[in-house]
C-alpha atoms as a PDB file:
ATOM      1  CA  UNK A   1     -57.978  17.006  17.497  1.00  0.00           C
ATOM      2  CA  UNK A   2     -61.218  18.981  17.320  1.00  0.00           C
ATOM      3  CA  UNK A   3     -64.143  18.239  19.598  1.00  0.00           C
ATOM      4  CA  UNK A   4     -67.392  17.887  17.663  1.00  0.00           C
ATOM      5  CA  UNK A   5     -70.339  19.916  18.845  1.00  0.00           C
ATOM      6  CA  UNK A   6     -70.956  23.250  20.456  1.00  0.00           C
ATOM      7  CA  UNK A   7     -69.641  24.675  23.702  1.00  0.00           C
ATOM      8  CA  UNK A   8     -72.151  25.010  26.474  1.00  0.00           C
ATOM      9  CA  UNK A   9     -72.174  25.600  30.201  1.00  0.00           C
ATOM     10  CA  UNK A  10     -72.494  23.035  33.006  1.00  0.00           C
ATOM     11  CA  UNK A  11     -75.871  22.603  34.743  1.00  0.00           C
ATOM     12  CA  UNK A  12     -74.714  24.428  37.901  1.00  0.00           C
ATOM     13  CA  UNK A  13     -73.886  27.620  35.999  1.00  0.00           C
ATOM     14  CA  UNK A  14     -77.381  29.088  36.234  1.00  0.00           C
ATOM     15  CA  UNK A  15     -78.475  28.202  32.711  1.00  0.00           C
ATOM     16  CA  UNK A  16     -81.156  25.601  32.001  1.00  0.00           C
ATOM     17  CA  UNK A  17     -80.549  22.645  29.732  1.00  0.00           C
ATOM     18  CA  UNK A  18     -79.663  18.976  29.825  1.00  0.00           C
ATOM     19  CA  UNK A  19     -76.053  19.676  30.896  1.00  0.00           C
ATOM     20  CA  UNK A  20     -74.838  16.213  29.897  1.00  0.00           C
ATOM     21  CA  UNK A  21     -71.275  17.371  29.468  1.00  0.00           C
ATOM     22  CA  UNK A  22     -69.055  20.443  29.286  1.00  0.00           C
ATOM     23  CA  UNK A  23     -67.018  21.224  26.239  1.00  0.00           C
ATOM     24  CA  UNK A  24     -63.708  22.489  27.552  1.00  0.00           C
ATOM     25  CA  UNK A  25     -62.039  23.444  24.258  1.00  0.00           C
ATOM     26  CA  UNK A  26     -63.285  24.705  20.903  1.00  0.00           C
ATOM     27  CA  UNK A  27     -61.059  25.110  17.839  1.00  0.00           C
ATOM     28  CA  UNK A  28     -62.171  26.572  14.519  1.00  0.00           C
ATOM     29  CA  UNK A  29     -60.791  28.565  11.586  1.00  0.00           C
ATOM     30  CA  UNK A  30     -62.001  31.755   9.953  1.00  0.00           C
ATOM     31  CA  UNK A  31     -60.955  32.136   6.335  1.00  0.00           C
ATOM     32  CA  UNK A  32     -60.078  35.549   4.969  1.00  0.00           C
ATOM     33  CA  UNK A  33     -57.274  38.058   5.270  1.00  0.00           C
ATOM     34  CA  UNK A  34     -56.917  38.884   8.992  1.00  0.00           C
ATOM     35  CA  UNK A  35     -57.505  42.586   9.661  1.00  0.00           C
ATOM     36  CA  UNK A  36     -55.778  44.362  12.561  1.00  0.00           C
ATOM     37  CA  UNK A  37     -57.762  46.516  14.964  1.00  0.00           C
ATOM     38  CA  UNK A  38     -57.176  50.119  13.967  1.00  0.00           C
ATOM     39  CA  UNK A  39     -57.507  53.146  16.174  1.00  0.00           C
ATOM     40  CA  UNK A  40     -60.986  54.546  16.276  1.00  0.00           C
ATOM     41  CA  UNK A  41     -61.425  57.396  13.823  1.00  0.00           C
ATOM     42  CA  UNK A  42     -62.784  60.693  15.126  1.00  0.00           C
ATOM     43  CA  UNK A  43     -65.010  62.934  13.050  1.00  0.00           C
ATOM     44  CA  UNK A  44     -66.214  66.390  14.031  1.00  0.00           C
ATOM     45  CA  UNK A  45     -69.672  67.480  12.927  1.00  0.00           C
ATOM     46  CA  UNK A  46     -70.530  70.922  14.149  1.00  0.00           C
ATOM     47  CA  UNK A  47     -69.615  71.046  17.822  1.00  0.00           C
ATOM     48  CA  UNK A  48     -69.886  67.274  18.323  1.00  0.00           C
ATOM     49  CA  UNK A  49     -67.168  64.674  17.913  1.00  0.00           C
ATOM     50  CA  UNK A  50     -67.891  61.063  16.971  1.00  0.00           C
ATOM     51  CA  UNK A  51     -65.552  58.072  17.184  1.00  0.00           C
ATOM     52  CA  UNK A  52     -66.095  55.064  14.933  1.00  0.00           C
ATOM     53  CA  UNK A  53     -64.356  51.813  14.015  1.00  0.00           C
ATOM     54  CA  UNK A  54     -63.116  51.669  10.402  1.00  0.00           C
ATOM     55  CA  UNK A  55     -65.320  49.691   7.979  1.00  0.00           C
ATOM     56  CA  UNK A  56     -62.686  47.023   7.165  1.00  0.00           C
ATOM     57  CA  UNK A  57     -62.248  46.208  10.849  1.00  0.00           C
ATOM     58  CA  UNK A  58     -66.016  46.012  11.460  1.00  0.00           C
ATOM     59  CA  UNK A  59     -66.431  43.670   8.481  1.00  0.00           C
ATOM     60  CA  UNK A  60     -63.629  41.345   9.710  1.00  0.00           C
ATOM     61  CA  UNK A  61     -65.064  41.280  13.245  1.00  0.00           C
ATOM     62  CA  UNK A  62     -68.487  40.400  11.794  1.00  0.00           C
ATOM     63  CA  UNK A  63     -67.009  37.476   9.833  1.00  0.00           C
ATOM     64  CA  UNK A  64     -65.199  36.169  12.948  1.00  0.00           C
ATOM     65  CA  UNK A  65     -68.318  36.561  15.122  1.00  0.00           C
ATOM     66  CA  UNK A  66     -70.518  34.790  12.559  1.00  0.00           C
ATOM     67  CA  UNK A  67     -68.161  31.801  12.385  1.00  0.00           C
ATOM     68  CA  UNK A  68     -67.774  31.664  16.183  1.00  0.00           C
ATOM     69  CA  UNK A  69     -71.559  31.524  16.639  1.00  0.00           C
ATOM     70  CA  UNK A  70     -71.528  28.184  14.800  1.00  0.00           C
ATOM     71  CA  UNK A  71     -69.354  26.722  17.575  1.00  0.00           C
ATOM     72  CA  UNK A  72     -70.787  28.214  20.788  1.00  0.00           C
ATOM     73  CA  UNK A  73     -74.316  27.864  22.175  1.00  0.00           C
ATOM     74  CA  UNK A  74     -73.470  30.187  25.068  1.00  0.00           C
ATOM     75  CA  UNK A  75     -70.345  32.111  26.009  1.00  0.00           C
ATOM     76  CA  UNK A  76     -68.017  30.881  28.742  1.00  0.00           C
ATOM     77  CA  UNK A  77     -68.536  32.913  31.932  1.00  0.00           C
ATOM     78  CA  UNK A  78     -65.245  31.978  33.611  1.00  0.00           C
ATOM     79  CA  UNK A  79     -61.512  32.267  32.832  1.00  0.00           C
ATOM     80  CA  UNK A  80     -60.419  31.023  29.419  1.00  0.00           C
ATOM     81  CA  UNK A  81     -57.238  30.475  27.470  1.00  0.00           C
ATOM     82  CA  UNK A  82     -57.166  31.699  23.854  1.00  0.00           C
ATOM     83  CA  UNK A  83     -54.745  30.591  21.168  1.00  0.00           C
ATOM     84  CA  UNK A  84     -54.612  32.457  17.846  1.00  0.00           C
ATOM     85  CA  UNK A  85     -52.564  31.566  14.770  1.00  0.00           C
ATOM     86  CA  UNK A  86     -52.745  34.053  11.909  1.00  0.00           C
ATOM     87  CA  UNK A  87     -51.853  32.774   8.438  1.00  0.00           C
ATOM     88  CA  UNK A  88     -50.905  35.686   6.168  1.00  0.00           C
ATOM     89  CA  UNK A  89     -50.187  35.995   2.415  1.00  0.00           C
ATOM     90  CA  UNK A  90     -46.517  35.417   1.591  1.00  0.00           C
ATOM     91  CA  UNK A  91     -44.990  38.192  -0.567  1.00  0.00           C
ATOM     92  CA  UNK A  92     -42.725  37.050  -3.400  1.00  0.00           C
ATOM     93  CA  UNK A  93     -39.750  38.673  -1.687  1.00  0.00           C
ATOM     94  CA  UNK A  94     -40.151  36.419   1.364  1.00  0.00           C
ATOM     95  CA  UNK A  95     -40.304  32.965  -0.212  1.00  0.00           C
ATOM     96  CA  UNK A  96     -37.937  31.454   2.365  1.00  0.00           C
ATOM     97  CA  UNK A  97     -39.470  33.025   5.468  1.00  0.00           C
ATOM     98  CA  UNK A  98     -41.885  31.173   7.733  1.00  0.00           C
ATOM     99  CA  UNK A  99     -42.691  33.794  10.403  1.00  0.00           C
ATOM    100  CA  UNK A 100     -44.235  37.164   9.568  1.00  0.00           C
ATOM    101  CA  UNK A 101     -41.894  39.788  11.005  1.00  0.00           C
ATOM    102  CA  UNK A 102     -43.617  42.710   9.295  1.00  0.00           C
ATOM    103  CA  UNK A 103     -46.846  44.637   9.715  1.00  0.00           C
ATOM    104  CA  UNK A 104     -49.565  44.211  10.779  1.00  0.00           C
ATOM    105  CA  UNK A 105     -48.625  44.119  14.451  1.00  0.00           C
ATOM    106  CA  UNK A 106     -49.611  40.923  16.237  1.00  0.00           C
ATOM    107  CA  UNK A 107     -51.293  42.741  19.139  1.00  0.00           C
ATOM    108  CA  UNK A 108     -53.607  44.609  16.753  1.00  0.00           C
ATOM    109  CA  UNK A 109     -54.545  41.348  14.982  1.00  0.00           C
ATOM    110  CA  UNK A 110     -55.308  39.782  18.377  1.00  0.00           C
ATOM    111  CA  UNK A 111     -57.500  42.688  19.468  1.00  0.00           C
ATOM    112  CA  UNK A 112     -59.799  42.487  16.445  1.00  0.00           C
ATOM    113  CA  UNK A 113     -60.418  38.761  17.039  1.00  0.00           C
ATOM    114  CA  UNK A 114     -60.775  39.036  20.828  1.00  0.00           C
ATOM    115  CA  UNK A 115     -63.312  41.850  20.432  1.00  0.00           C
ATOM    116  CA  UNK A 116     -65.269  39.815  17.867  1.00  0.00           C
ATOM    117  CA  UNK A 117     -65.460  36.850  20.270  1.00  0.00           C
ATOM    118  CA  UNK A 118     -67.017  39.006  23.042  1.00  0.00           C
ATOM    119  CA  UNK A 119     -70.448  37.703  24.056  1.00  0.00           C
ATOM    120  CA  UNK A 120     -70.037  34.688  21.733  1.00  0.00           C
ATOM    121  CA  UNK A 121     -67.073  32.650  23.038  1.00  0.00           C
ATOM    122  CA  UNK A 122     -66.867  34.379  26.436  1.00  0.00           C
ATOM    123  CA  UNK A 123     -69.011  36.957  28.172  1.00  0.00           C
ATOM    124  CA  UNK A 124     -66.233  39.583  28.144  1.00  0.00           C
ATOM    125  CA  UNK A 125     -62.629  39.619  26.931  1.00  0.00           C
ATOM    126  CA  UNK A 126     -61.491  40.359  30.496  1.00  0.00           C
ATOM    127  CA  UNK A 127     -62.007  36.591  31.023  1.00  0.00           C
ATOM    128  CA  UNK A 128     -59.073  35.857  28.703  1.00  0.00           C
ATOM    129  CA  UNK A 129     -56.383  35.200  31.305  1.00  0.00           C
ATOM    130  CA  UNK A 130     -53.959  33.193  29.142  1.00  0.00           C
ATOM    131  CA  UNK A 131     -53.188  34.080  25.531  1.00  0.00           C
ATOM    132  CA  UNK A 132     -50.893  32.574  22.931  1.00  0.00           C
ATOM    133  CA  UNK A 133     -50.599  33.871  19.385  1.00  0.00           C
ATOM    134  CA  UNK A 134     -48.395  33.825  16.313  1.00  0.00           C
ATOM    135  CA  UNK A 135     -48.413  35.040  12.737  1.00  0.00           C
ATOM    136  CA  UNK A 136     -47.027  32.936   9.919  1.00  0.00           C
ATOM    137  CA  UNK A 137     -47.035  32.887   6.173  1.00  0.00           C
ATOM    138  CA  UNK A 138     -49.550  30.624   4.448  1.00  0.00           C
ATOM    139  CA  UNK A 139     -47.815  27.451   3.294  1.00  0.00           C
ATOM    140  CA  UNK A 140     -51.009  25.876   1.987  1.00  0.00           C
ATOM    141  CA  UNK A 141     -54.563  27.076   1.709  1.00  0.00           C
ATOM    142  CA  UNK A 142     -55.800  30.602   2.139  1.00  0.00           C
ATOM    143  CA  UNK A 143     -55.150  33.422   4.635  1.00  0.00           C
ATOM    144  CA  UNK A 144     -57.043  32.703   7.840  1.00  0.00           C
ATOM    145  CA  UNK A 145     -56.945  32.652  11.618  1.00  0.00           C
ATOM    146  CA  UNK A 146     -57.104  29.474  13.712  1.00  0.00           C
ATOM    147  CA  UNK A 147     -58.835  30.138  17.030  1.00  0.00           C
ATOM    148  CA  UNK A 148     -58.858  27.932  20.116  1.00  0.00           C
ATOM    149  CA  UNK A 149     -60.817  28.896  23.222  1.00  0.00           C
ATOM    150  CA  UNK A 150     -60.345  26.640  26.254  1.00  0.00           C
ATOM    151  CA  UNK A 151     -61.977  26.742  29.657  1.00  0.00           C
ATOM    152  CA  UNK A 152     -59.531  26.889  32.558  1.00  0.00           C
ATOM    153  CA  UNK A 153     -62.158  27.432  35.247  1.00  0.00           C
ATOM    154  CA  UNK A 154     -60.970  24.913  37.847  1.00  0.00           C
ATOM    155  CA  UNK A 155     -57.280  24.820  37.029  1.00  0.00           C
ATOM    156  CA  UNK A 156     -54.388  26.168  39.012  1.00  0.00           C
ATOM    157  CA  UNK A 157     -51.876  25.264  36.307  1.00  0.00           C
ATOM    158  CA  UNK A 158     -51.982  24.975  32.526  1.00  0.00           C
ATOM    159  CA  UNK A 159     -50.392  21.543  32.986  1.00  0.00           C
ATOM    160  CA  UNK A 160     -53.754  20.374  34.411  1.00  0.00           C
ATOM    161  CA  UNK A 161     -55.527  21.128  31.115  1.00  0.00           C
ATOM    162  CA  UNK A 162     -57.687  18.276  29.803  1.00  0.00           C
ATOM    163  CA  UNK A 163     -58.439  18.035  26.111  1.00  0.00           C
ATOM    164  CA  UNK A 164     -61.832  16.348  26.623  1.00  0.00           C
ATOM    165  CA  UNK A 165     -64.305  16.550  29.477  1.00  0.00           C
ATOM    166  CA  UNK A 166     -64.402  13.659  31.919  1.00  0.00           C
ATOM    167  CA  UNK A 167     -67.616  11.747  32.463  1.00  0.00           C
END
């Protein structure tokens, strides 16, 4: 079940606003072929060296960031749990497979999304303290990533997680 509305911080977090409630979990999808984070490319011009992120990766991160901004008023500033499910194109040779056991590597797919969510879903990706992810073949629809970001600020166990805020 998705929670309608945008995530925002409680009134005691130092931000102004009505603070009527705290959204503890946000789930949304970003359509498009997920792009793994590639190593930065290094170019030498004269005696200087420059590192840059490849264009495809930058474009994917921009798409993810743009969609995330629709769901967050302000980034979480405390520990969060992130769940990522990548839905990839199914090649004709893998009609019976469900899980994607080929490239791209899952950790590189995660990194491109986590970097894109910086300063939108959370203030820094160091706040991601619990992560769950998988990559599957598309069974219906288009290639995409399903993203869930959940606050775990006052929890000692993931079993304490509440789907909706109390009060």
